[in-house]
C-alpha atoms as a PDB file:
ATOM      1  CA  MET A   1     132.641 142.357 100.787  1.00  0.00           C
ATOM      2  CA  LEU A   2     130.046 140.471 103.520  1.00  0.00           C
ATOM      3  CA  GLY A   3     131.006 137.391 105.119  1.00  0.00           C
ATOM      4  CA  THR A   4     130.163 134.352 104.382  1.00  0.00           C
ATOM      5  CA  ALA A   5     126.163 134.302 103.506  1.00  0.00           C
ATOM      6  CA  ARG A   6     124.922 130.682 104.696  1.00  0.00           C
ATOM      7  CA  PHE A   7     121.640 129.500 106.270  1.00  0.00           C
ATOM      8  CA  ARG A   8     122.210 126.628 109.071  1.00  0.00           C
ATOM      9  CA  MET A   9     119.339 124.380 110.133  1.00  0.00           C
ATOM     10  CA  LEU A  10     120.232 122.939 113.490  1.00  0.00           C
ATOM     11  CA  SER A  11     117.411 120.604 113.620  1.00  0.00           C
ATOM     12  CA  LEU A  12     114.102 120.098 110.826  1.00  0.00           C
ATOM     13  CA  LEU A  13     111.884 119.845 113.732  1.00  0.00           C
ATOM     14  CA  SER A  14     112.780 123.551 113.840  1.00  0.00           C
ATOM     15  CA  LEU A  15     111.177 123.963 110.633  1.00  0.00           C
ATOM     16  CA  ILE A  16     107.535 124.095 109.152  1.00  0.00           C
ATOM     17  CA  LEU A  17     106.847 120.837 108.602  1.00  0.00           C
ATOM     18  CA  LEU A  18     104.603 120.508 105.395  1.00  0.00           C
ATOM     19  CA  LEU A  19     102.229 117.346 105.991  1.00  0.00           C
ATOM     20  CA  GLY A  20      99.652 118.113 103.818  1.00  0.00           C
ATOM     21  CA  LEU A  21      99.837 119.901 100.184  1.00  0.00           C
ATOM     22  CA  GLY A  22      99.857 116.769  97.948  1.00  0.00           C
ATOM     23  CA  ALA A  23     102.883 115.781  95.827  1.00  0.00           C
ATOM     24  CA  VAL A  24     105.836 114.224  93.947  1.00  0.00           C
ATOM     25  CA  VAL A  25     109.380 114.055  94.612  1.00  0.00           C
ATOM     26  CA  VAL A  26     111.272 115.596  91.605  1.00  0.00           C
ATOM     27  CA  ARG A  27     115.078 115.136  91.147  1.00  0.00           C
ATOM     28  CA  ALA A  28     115.984 118.434  89.617  1.00  0.00           C
ATOM     29  CA  SER A  29     119.508 117.493  89.436  1.00  0.00           C
ATOM     30  CA  GLY A  30     122.145 115.016  90.236  1.00  0.00           C
ATOM     31  CA  LEU A  31     122.473 116.226  93.361  1.00  0.00           C
ATOM     32  CA  PHE A  32     119.433 118.421  94.599  1.00  0.00           C
ATOM     33  CA  THR A  33     115.699 116.860  95.359  1.00  0.00           C
ATOM     34  CA  ALA A  34     112.987 119.229  95.232  1.00  0.00           C
ATOM     35  CA  VAL A  35     109.367 118.274  96.259  1.00  0.00           C
ATOM     36  CA  GLN A  36     106.284 118.988  93.345  1.00  0.00           C
ATOM     37  CA  ASP A  37     103.551 117.595  95.694  1.00  0.00           C
ATOM     38  CA  PRO A  38     104.589 117.193  99.052  1.00  0.00           C
ATOM     39  CA  GLU A  39     101.250 115.467 100.441  1.00  0.00           C
ATOM     40  CA  ARG A  40     102.158 111.857  99.124  1.00  0.00           C
ATOM     41  CA  LEU A  41     105.366 111.684 100.378  1.00  0.00           C
ATOM     42  CA  ALA A  42     105.486 108.997 103.311  1.00  0.00           C
ATOM     43  CA  ARG A  43     107.223 111.670 105.433  1.00  0.00           C
ATOM     44  CA  PRO A  44     107.285 115.307 106.328  1.00  0.00           C
ATOM     45  CA  VAL A  45     109.692 117.571 103.829  1.00  0.00           C
ATOM     46  CA  ALA A  46     110.637 120.773 105.397  1.00  0.00           C
ATOM     47  CA  PRO A  47     110.370 124.409 103.328  1.00  0.00           C
ATOM     48  CA  ILE A  48     113.723 125.620 102.279  1.00  0.00           C
ATOM     49  CA  PRO A  49     114.948 128.865 104.035  1.00  0.00           C
ATOM     50  CA  LEU A  50     114.235 131.942 102.046  1.00  0.00           C
ATOM     51  CA  LEU A  51     117.691 132.115  99.961  1.00  0.00           C
ATOM     52  CA  ALA A  52     117.954 136.017 100.776  1.00  0.00           C
ATOM     53  CA  PRO A  53     120.544 137.991  99.373  1.00  0.00           C
ATOM     54  CA  PRO A  54     122.936 139.815 101.178  1.00  0.00           C
ATOM     55  CA  SER A  55     121.730 143.138 102.927  1.00  0.00           C
ATOM     56  CA  SER A  56     122.146 145.827 100.451  1.00  0.00           C
ATOM     57  CA  GLU A  57     125.648 147.360 102.267  1.00  0.00           C
ATOM     58  CA  GLY A  58     127.346 144.615 100.390  1.00  0.00           C
ATOM     59  CA  TYR A  59     126.376 145.219  97.062  1.00  0.00           C
ATOM     60  CA  GLU A  60     129.190 147.009  94.593  1.00  0.00           C
ATOM     61  CA  GLN A  61     127.789 149.166  91.766  1.00  0.00           C
ATOM     62  CA  LEU A  62     128.495 148.506  88.377  1.00  0.00           C
ATOM     63  CA  PRO A  63     128.739 151.099  85.446  1.00  0.00           C
ATOM     64  CA  ALA A  64     125.628 151.236  83.653  1.00  0.00           C
ATOM     65  CA  ASP A  65     127.031 150.203  80.121  1.00  0.00           C
ATOM     66  CA  VAL A  66     127.620 146.526  81.374  1.00  0.00           C
ATOM     67  CA  VAL A  67     123.719 146.082  82.348  1.00  0.00           C
ATOM     68  CA  ASP A  68     123.934 144.027  78.929  1.00  0.00           C
ATOM     69  CA  THR A  69     126.967 141.900  78.989  1.00  0.00           C
ATOM     70  CA  PRO A  70     127.756 138.537  80.781  1.00  0.00           C
ATOM     71  CA  ILE A  71     128.156 139.273  84.526  1.00  0.00           C
ATOM     72  CA  SER A  72     131.241 137.514  85.857  1.00  0.00           C
ATOM     73  CA  ALA A  73     132.382 136.423  89.446  1.00  0.00           C
ATOM     74  CA  PRO A  74     136.055 137.316  90.922  1.00  0.00           C
ATOM     75  CA  ASP A  75     136.575 133.665  90.860  1.00  0.00           C
ATOM     76  CA  ASP A  76     135.651 130.386  89.237  1.00  0.00           C
ATOM     77  CA  ARG A  77     131.960 130.336  91.035  1.00  0.00           C
ATOM     78  CA  PRO A  78     128.797 130.324  88.810  1.00  0.00           C
ATOM     79  CA  VAL A  79     126.540 133.664  88.386  1.00  0.00           C
ATOM     80  CA  ALA A  80     122.615 133.631  87.491  1.00  0.00           C
ATOM     81  CA  TYR A  81     121.648 137.110  85.970  1.00  0.00           C
ATOM     82  CA  LEU A  82     119.407 138.052  83.230  1.00  0.00           C
ATOM     83  CA  ALA A  83     120.436 138.116  79.431  1.00  0.00           C
ATOM     84  CA  GLN A  84     118.363 141.258  78.414  1.00  0.00           C
ATOM     85  CA  PRO A  85     117.369 142.860  81.476  1.00  0.00           C
ATOM     86  CA  PRO A  86     114.199 145.394  80.409  1.00  0.00           C
ATOM     87  CA  SER A  87     115.647 148.967  80.287  1.00  0.00           C
ATOM     88  CA  GLY A  88     112.983 150.335  82.336  1.00  0.00           C
ATOM     89  CA  LEU A  89     114.181 147.731  85.013  1.00  0.00           C
ATOM     90  CA  ALA A  90     117.968 147.847  84.846  1.00  0.00           C
ATOM     91  CA  GLN A  91     118.979 151.713  85.056  1.00  0.00           C
ATOM     92  CA  SER A  92     121.201 150.581  88.031  1.00  0.00           C
ATOM     93  CA  LEU A  93     123.302 147.417  87.959  1.00  0.00           C
ATOM     94  CA  ALA A  94     124.922 145.886  91.362  1.00  0.00           C
ATOM     95  CA  VAL A  95     126.542 142.438  92.506  1.00  0.00           C
ATOM     96  CA  ASN A  96     127.223 140.724  95.773  1.00  0.00           C
ATOM     97  CA  PHE A  97     129.820 137.900  95.787  1.00  0.00           C
ATOM     98  CA  PRO A  98     129.982 136.266  99.349  1.00  0.00           C
ATOM     99  CA  ASN A  99     132.530 134.136 100.903  1.00  0.00           C
ATOM    100  CA  THR A 100     131.909 130.509 100.424  1.00  0.00           C
ATOM    101  CA  ASP A 101     134.867 129.533 100.868  1.00  0.00           C
ATOM    102  CA  ASP A 102     133.968 126.365 103.579  1.00  0.00           C
ATOM    103  CA  TRP A 103     131.204 125.242 101.401  1.00  0.00           C
ATOM    104  CA  SER A 104     132.603 121.712 100.062  1.00  0.00           C
ATOM    105  CA  SER A 105     133.324 121.003 103.555  1.00  0.00           C
ATOM    106  CA  SER A 106     130.190 121.794 105.670  1.00  0.00           C
ATOM    107  CA  ASP A 107     129.001 118.661 107.051  1.00  0.00           C
ATOM    108  CA  SER A 108     125.694 120.662 107.931  1.00  0.00           C
ATOM    109  CA  VAL A 109     122.622 121.291 106.541  1.00  0.00           C
ATOM    110  CA  GLU A 110     123.203 124.792 104.849  1.00  0.00           C
ATOM    111  CA  PHE A 111     122.684 126.750 101.682  1.00  0.00           C
ATOM    112  CA  PHE A 112     125.321 129.174 100.369  1.00  0.00           C
ATOM    113  CA  VAL A 113     124.575 132.284  98.482  1.00  0.00           C
ATOM    114  CA  LEU A 114     127.411 132.509  95.602  1.00  0.00           C
ATOM    115  CA  ALA A 115     126.313 135.510  93.735  1.00  0.00           C
ATOM    116  CA  SER A 116     123.618 138.154  94.142  1.00  0.00           C
ATOM    117  CA  VAL A 117     122.924 140.550  90.927  1.00  0.00           C
ATOM    118  CA  ARG A 118     120.401 143.650  91.765  1.00  0.00           C
ATOM    119  CA  TYR A 119     118.705 145.353  89.167  1.00  0.00           C
ATOM    120  CA  SER A 120     116.775 148.565  89.647  1.00  0.00           C
ATOM    121  CA  GLY A 121     114.928 151.043  87.899  1.00  0.00           C
ATOM    122  CA  SER A 122     111.332 153.014  87.618  1.00  0.00           C
ATOM    123  CA  GLY A 123     110.820 152.341  91.560  1.00  0.00           C
ATOM    124  CA  HIS A 124     111.296 148.654  91.080  1.00  0.00           C
ATOM    125  CA  ILE A 125     113.796 145.976  91.876  1.00  0.00           C
ATOM    126  CA  ILE A 126     114.702 142.573  90.930  1.00  0.00           C
ATOM    127  CA  LEU A 127     117.136 140.114  92.683  1.00  0.00           C
ATOM    128  CA  VAL A 128     118.757 137.201  90.804  1.00  0.00           C
ATOM    129  CA  THR A 129     120.398 135.111  93.682  1.00  0.00           C
ATOM    130  CA  THR A 130     122.622 131.926  92.889  1.00  0.00           C
ATOM    131  CA  ALA A 131     122.872 129.727  95.704  1.00  0.00           C
ATOM    132  CA  ARG A 132     124.090 126.306  96.385  1.00  0.00           C
ATOM    133  CA  PRO A 133     123.186 123.200  98.985  1.00  0.00           C
ATOM    134  CA  SER A 134     126.242 121.761 101.226  1.00  0.00           C
ATOM    135  CA  PRO A 135     126.541 118.340 100.904  1.00  0.00           C
ATOM    136  CA  GLU A 136     124.100 117.505 103.696  1.00  0.00           C
ATOM    137  CA  ALA A 137     121.628 119.649 102.576  1.00  0.00           C
ATOM    138  CA  ALA A 138     121.499 118.281  98.729  1.00  0.00           C
ATOM    139  CA  ARG A 139     120.611 114.445 100.085  1.00  0.00           C
ATOM    140  CA  GLU A 140     117.397 116.045 101.966  1.00  0.00           C
ATOM    141  CA  SER A 141     114.271 116.917 100.454  1.00  0.00           C
ATOM    142  CA  TRP A 142     112.880 120.147 100.299  1.00  0.00           C
ATOM    143  CA  VAL A 143     110.032 122.657  98.926  1.00  0.00           C
ATOM    144  CA  LEU A 144     111.282 125.405  96.999  1.00  0.00           C
ATOM    145  CA  GLY A 145     107.800 127.627  96.998  1.00  0.00           C
ATOM    146  CA  ASP A 146     104.249 127.863  97.840  1.00  0.00           C
ATOM    147  CA  GLU A 147     103.483 126.522  94.172  1.00  0.00           C
ATOM    148  CA  THR A 148     104.968 124.889  91.368  1.00  0.00           C
ATOM    149  CA  ILE A 149     104.615 126.071  87.872  1.00  0.00           C
ATOM    150  CA  GLN A 150     105.815 125.123  84.055  1.00  0.00           C
ATOM    151  CA  LEU A 151     107.988 127.371  82.602  1.00  0.00           C
ATOM    152  CA  ALA A 152     107.727 128.386  78.786  1.00  0.00           C
ATOM    153  CA  ASP A 153     110.331 126.219  78.083  1.00  0.00           C
ATOM    154  CA  GLY A 154     108.789 123.104  79.825  1.00  0.00           C
ATOM    155  CA  SER A 155     111.008 123.515  82.875  1.00  0.00           C
ATOM    156  CA  LEU A 156     109.458 123.570  86.530  1.00  0.00           C
ATOM    157  CA  ALA A 157     109.433 126.413  89.001  1.00  0.00           C
ATOM    158  CA  TRP A 158     108.312 127.302  92.460  1.00  0.00           C
ATOM    159  CA  ILE A 159     106.870 130.768  92.988  1.00  0.00           C
ATOM    160  CA  SER A 160     105.564 132.400  96.419  1.00  0.00           C
ATOM    161  CA  THR A 161     104.176 135.572  96.643  1.00  0.00           C
ATOM    162  CA  ASP A 162     102.947 138.422  99.348  1.00  0.00           C
ATOM    163  CA  LYS A 163     106.037 137.517 101.325  1.00  0.00           C
ATOM    164  CA  PRO A 164     107.878 140.257 103.575  1.00  0.00           C
ATOM    165  CA  GLY A 165     110.358 142.596 102.782  1.00  0.00           C
ATOM    166  CA  GLU A 166     111.014 144.774  99.697  1.00  0.00           C
ATOM    167  CA  THR A 167     111.084 141.655  97.322  1.00  0.00           C
ATOM    168  CA  PRO A 168     107.423 139.918  98.077  1.00  0.00           C
ATOM    169  CA  ASN A 169     106.858 137.864  94.930  1.00  0.00           C
ATOM    170  CA  ARG A 170     109.851 134.874  94.406  1.00  0.00           C
ATOM    171  CA  LEU A 171     110.470 132.249  91.627  1.00  0.00           C
ATOM    172  CA  VAL A 172     112.959 129.297  92.119  1.00  0.00           C
ATOM    173  CA  ILE A 173     114.519 127.294  89.535  1.00  0.00           C
ATOM    174  CA  VAL A 174     116.979 124.541  89.931  1.00  0.00           C
ATOM    175  CA  LYS A 175     119.774 124.281  87.143  1.00  0.00           C
ATOM    176  CA  ASP A 176     122.209 121.396  88.042  1.00  0.00           C
ATOM    177  CA  ASP A 177     123.409 121.488  92.011  1.00  0.00           C
ATOM    178  CA  LEU A 178     121.792 125.342  91.844  1.00  0.00           C
ATOM    179  CA  ILE A 179     119.123 127.196  93.033  1.00  0.00           C
ATOM    180  CA  ILE A 180     118.432 129.831  91.470  1.00  0.00           C
ATOM    181  CA  THR A 181     115.695 132.809  93.496  1.00  0.00           C
ATOM    182  CA  VAL A 182     114.350 135.470  90.735  1.00  0.00           C
ATOM    183  CA  ALA A 183     112.897 137.844  93.575  1.00  0.00           C
ATOM    184  CA  SER A 184     111.019 141.229  93.216  1.00  0.00           C
ATOM    185  CA  ASP A 185     108.506 143.894  94.133  1.00  0.00           C
ATOM    186  CA  LEU A 186     106.704 143.319  90.215  1.00  0.00           C
ATOM    187  CA  PRO A 187     104.068 140.793  89.727  1.00  0.00           C
ATOM    188  CA  ILE A 188     104.447 137.269  89.594  1.00  0.00           C
ATOM    189  CA  GLU A 189     103.520 136.868  86.026  1.00  0.00           C
ATOM    190  CA  THR A 190     106.396 139.559  84.932  1.00  0.00           C
ATOM    191  CA  ILE A 191     108.816 137.574  87.052  1.00  0.00           C
ATOM    192  CA  GLN A 192     107.774 134.289  85.373  1.00  0.00           C
ATOM    193  CA  GLU A 193     108.503 136.177  81.766  1.00  0.00           C
ATOM    194  CA  LEU A 194     111.804 137.416  83.600  1.00  0.00           C
ATOM    195  CA  ALA A 195     112.595 133.890  84.206  1.00  0.00           C
ATOM    196  CA  SER A 196     113.120 132.603  80.432  1.00  0.00           C
ATOM    197  CA  GLN A 197     115.525 134.888  80.420  1.00  0.00           C
ATOM    198  CA  ILE A 198     118.401 133.910  83.136  1.00  0.00           C
ATOM    199  CA  VAL A 199     121.820 132.393  82.350  1.00  0.00           C
ATOM    200  CA  VAL A 200     124.282 131.351  84.133  1.00  0.00           C
ATOM    201  CA  LYS A 201     127.995 132.024  83.752  1.00  0.00           C
ATOM    202  CA  GLN A 202     130.442 129.426  84.972  1.00  0.00           C
ATOM    203  CA  GLY A 203     133.521 130.955  86.504  1.00  0.00           C
ATOM    204  CA  ARG A 204     135.460 133.893  84.878  1.00  0.00           C
END
């Protein structure tokens, strides 16, 4: 497996500060604050760094017959995955569990990738990545996407489209202190439908 997957911010001034997009702070969990309307805030907010999954070399291929079964980590970390991925889009399944030993002890603004599940089939890729902010990052307010939407179950999600890389369209949701990203080359409307299937398995 790869080493610790993390994203360090040395200075908020090094980020692109958003001053005029219009918004309210959403307390998405007891720890993490996401921003729905950046424009109404008295101070600038920083866009969250792309919580990209580890490189493809770090993934472990799983047998095809486990596609529709719960996915567990080798330790007690939570893992987000699709409960019933479309068969044509889940011909291959791989997982990555980076080292996160220093998550709770970090005193920097960082984001740790806990798990990444990679579905592929019919020429498409779907990545479901589970990340967690460090205690210091959780105290800040963050922009999670270019646009805020409401999913079918009424929960909020943040979407971004036409980004660089093999998964240009992304949807982010927050569950408790977890940041879950669904990224794919599929249309954003399809990703929104897939997001309704996300479940989080806590530990083994």
